[in-house]
Amino acid sequence: MYQKKWIAYFMILPMLIFLSMFLFYPFLINIKNSFYHFENILDKTPIFIGIQNYKSMITDSIFIGSSENGLLGLYDGLIGHAGRKDSHGDDLRV
């Protein structure tokens, strides 16, 4: 039954290559790049600034406002939706 396990691994290989190329690698590169300051997209010598990008992000009023809106939207979509009625007075609950 398990003599031909290599066939299963061989069939999974294209998916693993695809995920590595288009999901894992860009994700890790973006995390690495978030610790650098780039003058432009073609900058060959970015400056390492550590977590300064994250510090400025969490103190930015626009980011705070959009985070609040995102959380309100999450609440409204998941929890607030439970007791609502549509325009005809019918329950929207499933």
Protein backbone atom coordinates (compact mmCIF):
# COMPACT_ATOMS: atom_id res chain seq x y z
CA MET A 1 0.00 0.00 0.00
CA TYR A 2 2.77 2.45 0.86
CA GLN A 3 5.41 1.24 -1.59
CA LYS A 4 4.74 4.08 -4.07
CA LYS A 5 4.67 7.11 -1.74
CA TRP A 6 7.04 8.92 -4.08
CA ILE A 7 4.20 9.29 -6.59
CA ALA A 8 2.16 11.31 -4.08
CA TYR A 9 5.16 13.53 -3.31
CA PHE A 10 5.80 13.96 -7.02
CA MET A 11 2.19 15.08 -7.57
CA ILE A 12 2.37 17.60 -4.71
CA LEU A 13 5.65 19.07 -5.97
CA PRO A 14 4.12 21.55 -8.52
CA MET A 15 1.86 22.99 -5.83
CA LEU A 16 4.78 23.39 -3.43
CA ILE A 17 6.86 25.11 -6.10
CA PHE A 18 3.97 27.44 -6.94
CA LEU A 19 3.35 28.32 -3.28
CA SER A 20 7.05 28.91 -2.71
CA MET A 21 7.42 31.20 -5.71
CA PHE A 22 4.23 33.23 -5.43
CA LEU A 23 3.34 33.16 -1.72
CA PHE A 24 6.16 32.31 0.69
CA TYR A 25 9.08 34.06 -1.04
CA PRO A 26 7.30 37.43 -1.59
CA PHE A 27 5.91 37.33 1.94
CA LEU A 28 9.36 36.84 3.47
CA ILE A 29 10.97 39.45 1.20
CA ASN A 30 8.32 42.01 2.20
CA ILE A 31 8.93 41.35 5.87
CA LYS A 32 12.66 41.86 5.30
CA ASN A 33 12.07 45.03 3.27
CA SER A 34 9.86 46.52 5.98
CA PHE A 35 12.98 47.05 8.09
CA TYR A 36 14.64 49.22 5.40
CA HIS A 37 14.06 52.70 3.98
CA PHE A 38 14.01 52.89 0.18
CA GLU A 39 14.30 56.22 -1.66
CA ASN A 40 12.56 54.67 -4.66
CA ILE A 41 11.69 51.22 -5.98
CA LEU A 42 15.03 50.88 -7.81
CA ASP A 43 17.18 51.89 -4.82
CA LYS A 44 20.18 49.54 -4.70
CA THR A 45 21.36 50.69 -1.25
CA PRO A 46 18.41 50.85 1.16
CA ILE A 47 19.05 52.16 4.67
CA PHE A 48 18.38 49.82 7.59
CA ILE A 49 16.02 51.57 10.02
CA GLY A 50 14.81 48.64 12.14
CA ILE A 51 11.30 48.92 13.51
CA GLN A 52 10.97 52.65 12.80
CA ASN A 53 8.46 51.92 10.02
CA TYR A 54 6.27 50.06 12.49
CA LYS A 55 6.60 52.79 15.15
CA SER A 56 5.52 55.47 12.70
CA MET A 57 2.68 53.27 11.45
CA ILE A 58 1.07 52.71 14.86
CA THR A 59 1.33 56.39 15.79
CA ASP A 60 -0.17 57.59 12.50
CA SER A 61 -3.70 58.97 12.89
CA ILE A 62 -4.79 57.70 9.46
CA PHE A 63 -3.69 54.14 10.33
CA ILE A 64 -5.48 54.30 13.68
CA GLY A 65 -8.67 55.55 12.03
CA SER A 66 -8.59 52.90 9.31
CA SER A 67 -7.92 50.18 11.91
CA GLU A 68 -10.93 51.35 13.92
CA ASN A 69 -13.06 51.31 10.75
CA GLY A 70 -11.83 47.82 9.92
CA LEU A 71 -12.71 46.54 13.38
CA LEU A 72 -16.13 48.19 13.20
CA GLY A 73 -16.71 46.57 9.83
CA LEU A 74 -15.66 43.21 11.24
CA TYR A 75 -18.07 43.64 14.15
CA ASP A 76 -20.85 44.77 11.87
CA GLY A 77 -20.32 41.91 9.45
CA LEU A 78 -20.01 39.15 12.02
CA ILE A 79 -21.83 40.14 15.19
CA GLY A 80 -24.00 43.18 14.42
CA HIS A 81 -25.63 41.41 11.48
CA ALA A 82 -27.30 38.85 13.75
CA GLY A 83 -30.28 40.96 14.82
CA ARG A 84 -30.93 43.02 11.70
CA LYS A 85 -33.88 43.04 9.36
CA ASP A 86 -33.92 43.79 5.64
CA SER A 87 -35.99 46.54 3.96
CA HIS A 88 -39.12 44.32 4.02
CA GLY A 89 -38.89 43.64 7.77
CA ASP A 90 -37.67 40.06 7.35
CA ASP A 91 -34.89 38.75 9.57
CA LEU A 92 -31.44 38.63 7.97
CA ARG A 93 -30.38 35.79 10.23
CA VAL A 94 -29.69 32.51 8.49
